[in-house]
Amino acid sequence: MQMDYAAILAYAFGLLLLYVVGRALIVPLKIVIRLVYNALIGGVVLLLLNFIGGYFGLHIALNPVTALIVGFLGVPGIIMLLVLQYILMG
């Protein structure tokens, strides 16, 4: 049995290339999953806030700007919107 070092080197390079490409595809996927998670949690909290806060006169208007802020930041975005609303309206 004779080992062909060029073939072993080619296989090793192929595995390394597969690893690098896999890592390059996984990192953006993690970012997208995190954004979707933030958007879902933030949207649910925003709907609950508007539903429950309606009894106390507390609500956040649902428009594209607030949806983007809540989508990117999640619950901290809702807190930021409440603070801005208090500052601007109060």
C-alpha atoms as a PDB file:
ATOM      1  CA  MET A   1       0.000   0.000   0.000  1.00  0.00           C
ATOM      2  CA  GLN A   2       1.505   3.164  -1.158  1.00  0.00           C
ATOM      3  CA  MET A   3       0.240   6.524   0.118  1.00  0.00           C
ATOM      4  CA  ASP A   4      -0.202   9.285  -2.374  1.00  0.00           C
ATOM      5  CA  TYR A   5       0.642  12.422  -0.439  1.00  0.00           C
ATOM      6  CA  ALA A   6      -0.900  14.693  -3.068  1.00  0.00           C
ATOM      7  CA  ALA A   7      -4.284  12.985  -2.609  1.00  0.00           C
ATOM      8  CA  ILE A   8      -4.070  13.260   1.185  1.00  0.00           C
ATOM      9  CA  LEU A   9      -3.143  16.919   0.884  1.00  0.00           C
ATOM     10  CA  ALA A  10      -6.042  17.503  -1.543  1.00  0.00           C
ATOM     11  CA  TYR A  11      -8.490  15.836   0.865  1.00  0.00           C
ATOM     12  CA  ALA A  12      -7.159  17.901   3.775  1.00  0.00           C
ATOM     13  CA  PHE A  13      -7.461  21.095   1.739  1.00  0.00           C
ATOM     14  CA  GLY A  14     -11.001  20.132   0.691  1.00  0.00           C
ATOM     15  CA  LEU A  15     -12.015  19.545   4.324  1.00  0.00           C
ATOM     16  CA  LEU A  16     -10.497  22.869   5.346  1.00  0.00           C
ATOM     17  CA  LEU A  17     -12.311  24.640   2.516  1.00  0.00           C
ATOM     18  CA  LEU A  18     -15.584  22.942   3.485  1.00  0.00           C
ATOM     19  CA  TYR A  19     -15.092  24.094   7.087  1.00  0.00           C
ATOM     20  CA  VAL A  20     -14.399  27.710   6.053  1.00  0.00           C
ATOM     21  CA  VAL A  21     -17.410  27.837   3.718  1.00  0.00           C
ATOM     22  CA  GLY A  22     -19.620  26.269   6.395  1.00  0.00           C
ATOM     23  CA  ARG A  23     -18.538  28.840   8.974  1.00  0.00           C
ATOM     24  CA  ALA A  24     -19.112  31.669   6.474  1.00  0.00           C
ATOM     25  CA  LEU A  25     -22.685  30.462   5.924  1.00  0.00           C
ATOM     26  CA  ILE A  26     -23.514  29.765   9.586  1.00  0.00           C
ATOM     27  CA  VAL A  27     -22.581  33.206  10.967  1.00  0.00           C
ATOM     28  CA  PRO A  28     -25.152  35.160   8.877  1.00  0.00           C
ATOM     29  CA  LEU A  29     -27.748  32.493   9.651  1.00  0.00           C
ATOM     30  CA  LYS A  30     -27.215  33.038  13.380  1.00  0.00           C
ATOM     31  CA  ILE A  31     -27.692  36.782  12.923  1.00  0.00           C
ATOM     32  CA  VAL A  32     -30.931  36.254  10.984  1.00  0.00           C
ATOM     33  CA  ILE A  33     -32.229  33.830  13.611  1.00  0.00           C
ATOM     34  CA  ARG A  34     -31.429  36.336  16.376  1.00  0.00           C
ATOM     35  CA  LEU A  35     -33.243  39.136  14.499  1.00  0.00           C
ATOM     36  CA  VAL A  36     -36.308  36.945  13.946  1.00  0.00           C
ATOM     37  CA  TYR A  37     -36.298  35.969  17.626  1.00  0.00           C
ATOM     38  CA  ASN A  38     -36.070  39.625  18.711  1.00  0.00           C
ATOM     39  CA  ALA A  39     -38.847  40.586  16.314  1.00  0.00           C
ATOM     40  CA  LEU A  40     -41.189  37.857  17.555  1.00  0.00           C
ATOM     41  CA  ILE A  41     -40.612  38.504  21.244  1.00  0.00           C
ATOM     42  CA  GLY A  42     -40.776  42.279  20.776  1.00  0.00           C
ATOM     43  CA  GLY A  43     -43.962  42.057  18.714  1.00  0.00           C
ATOM     44  CA  VAL A  44     -45.706  39.893  21.298  1.00  0.00           C
ATOM     45  CA  VAL A  45     -44.661  42.212  24.132  1.00  0.00           C
ATOM     46  CA  LEU A  46     -45.751  45.251  22.095  1.00  0.00           C
ATOM     47  CA  LEU A  47     -49.182  43.723  21.449  1.00  0.00           C
ATOM     48  CA  LEU A  48     -49.557  42.811  25.119  1.00  0.00           C
ATOM     49  CA  LEU A  49     -48.469  46.299  26.152  1.00  0.00           C
ATOM     50  CA  ASN A  50     -50.993  47.907  23.823  1.00  0.00           C
ATOM     51  CA  PHE A  51     -53.756  45.545  24.966  1.00  0.00           C
ATOM     52  CA  ILE A  52     -53.130  45.826  28.706  1.00  0.00           C
ATOM     53  CA  GLY A  53     -51.824  49.402  28.634  1.00  0.00           C
ATOM     54  CA  GLY A  54     -54.966  50.553  26.860  1.00  0.00           C
ATOM     55  CA  TYR A  55     -56.765  50.355  30.192  1.00  0.00           C
ATOM     56  CA  PHE A  56     -54.202  52.724  31.717  1.00  0.00           C
ATOM     57  CA  GLY A  57     -53.798  55.104  28.764  1.00  0.00           C
ATOM     58  CA  LEU A  58     -50.410  53.649  27.820  1.00  0.00           C
ATOM     59  CA  HIS A  59     -49.845  52.534  24.248  1.00  0.00           C
ATOM     60  CA  ILE A  60     -47.290  52.643  21.455  1.00  0.00           C
ATOM     61  CA  ALA A  61     -48.527  53.300  17.922  1.00  0.00           C
ATOM     62  CA  LEU A  62     -47.787  50.466  15.527  1.00  0.00           C
ATOM     63  CA  ASN A  63     -46.158  51.889  12.385  1.00  0.00           C
ATOM     64  CA  PRO A  64     -43.139  50.923  10.248  1.00  0.00           C
ATOM     65  CA  VAL A  65     -40.671  52.899  12.399  1.00  0.00           C
ATOM     66  CA  THR A  66     -41.774  51.360  15.701  1.00  0.00           C
ATOM     67  CA  ALA A  67     -41.965  47.935  14.075  1.00  0.00           C
ATOM     68  CA  LEU A  68     -38.347  48.242  12.882  1.00  0.00           C
ATOM     69  CA  ILE A  69     -37.134  49.463  16.265  1.00  0.00           C
ATOM     70  CA  VAL A  70     -38.888  46.637  18.080  1.00  0.00           C
ATOM     71  CA  GLY A  71     -37.771  44.143  15.427  1.00  0.00           C
ATOM     72  CA  PHE A  72     -34.107  45.013  15.776  1.00  0.00           C
ATOM     73  CA  LEU A  73     -33.906  45.713  19.496  1.00  0.00           C
ATOM     74  CA  GLY A  74     -36.682  43.572  20.941  1.00  0.00           C
ATOM     75  CA  VAL A  75     -37.833  44.375  24.474  1.00  0.00           C
ATOM     76  CA  PRO A  76     -35.163  47.093  25.023  1.00  0.00           C
ATOM     77  CA  GLY A  77     -36.597  48.803  21.930  1.00  0.00           C
ATOM     78  CA  ILE A  78     -40.033  48.864  23.542  1.00  0.00           C
ATOM     79  CA  ILE A  79     -38.554  50.378  26.693  1.00  0.00           C
ATOM     80  CA  MET A  80     -36.757  52.971  24.578  1.00  0.00           C
ATOM     81  CA  LEU A  81     -39.999  53.852  22.774  1.00  0.00           C
ATOM     82  CA  LEU A  82     -41.829  54.232  26.092  1.00  0.00           C
ATOM     83  CA  VAL A  83     -39.106  56.529  27.448  1.00  0.00           C
ATOM     84  CA  LEU A  84     -39.132  58.604  24.250  1.00  0.00           C
ATOM     85  CA  GLN A  85     -42.907  58.832  24.367  1.00  0.00           C
ATOM     86  CA  TYR A  86     -42.757  59.982  28.000  1.00  0.00           C
ATOM     87  CA  ILE A  87     -40.087  62.584  27.208  1.00  0.00           C
ATOM     88  CA  LEU A  88     -41.784  63.953  24.087  1.00  0.00           C
ATOM     89  CA  MET A  89     -45.362  63.903  25.350  1.00  0.00           C
ATOM     90  CA  GLY A  90     -44.771  64.699  29.003  1.00  0.00           C
END
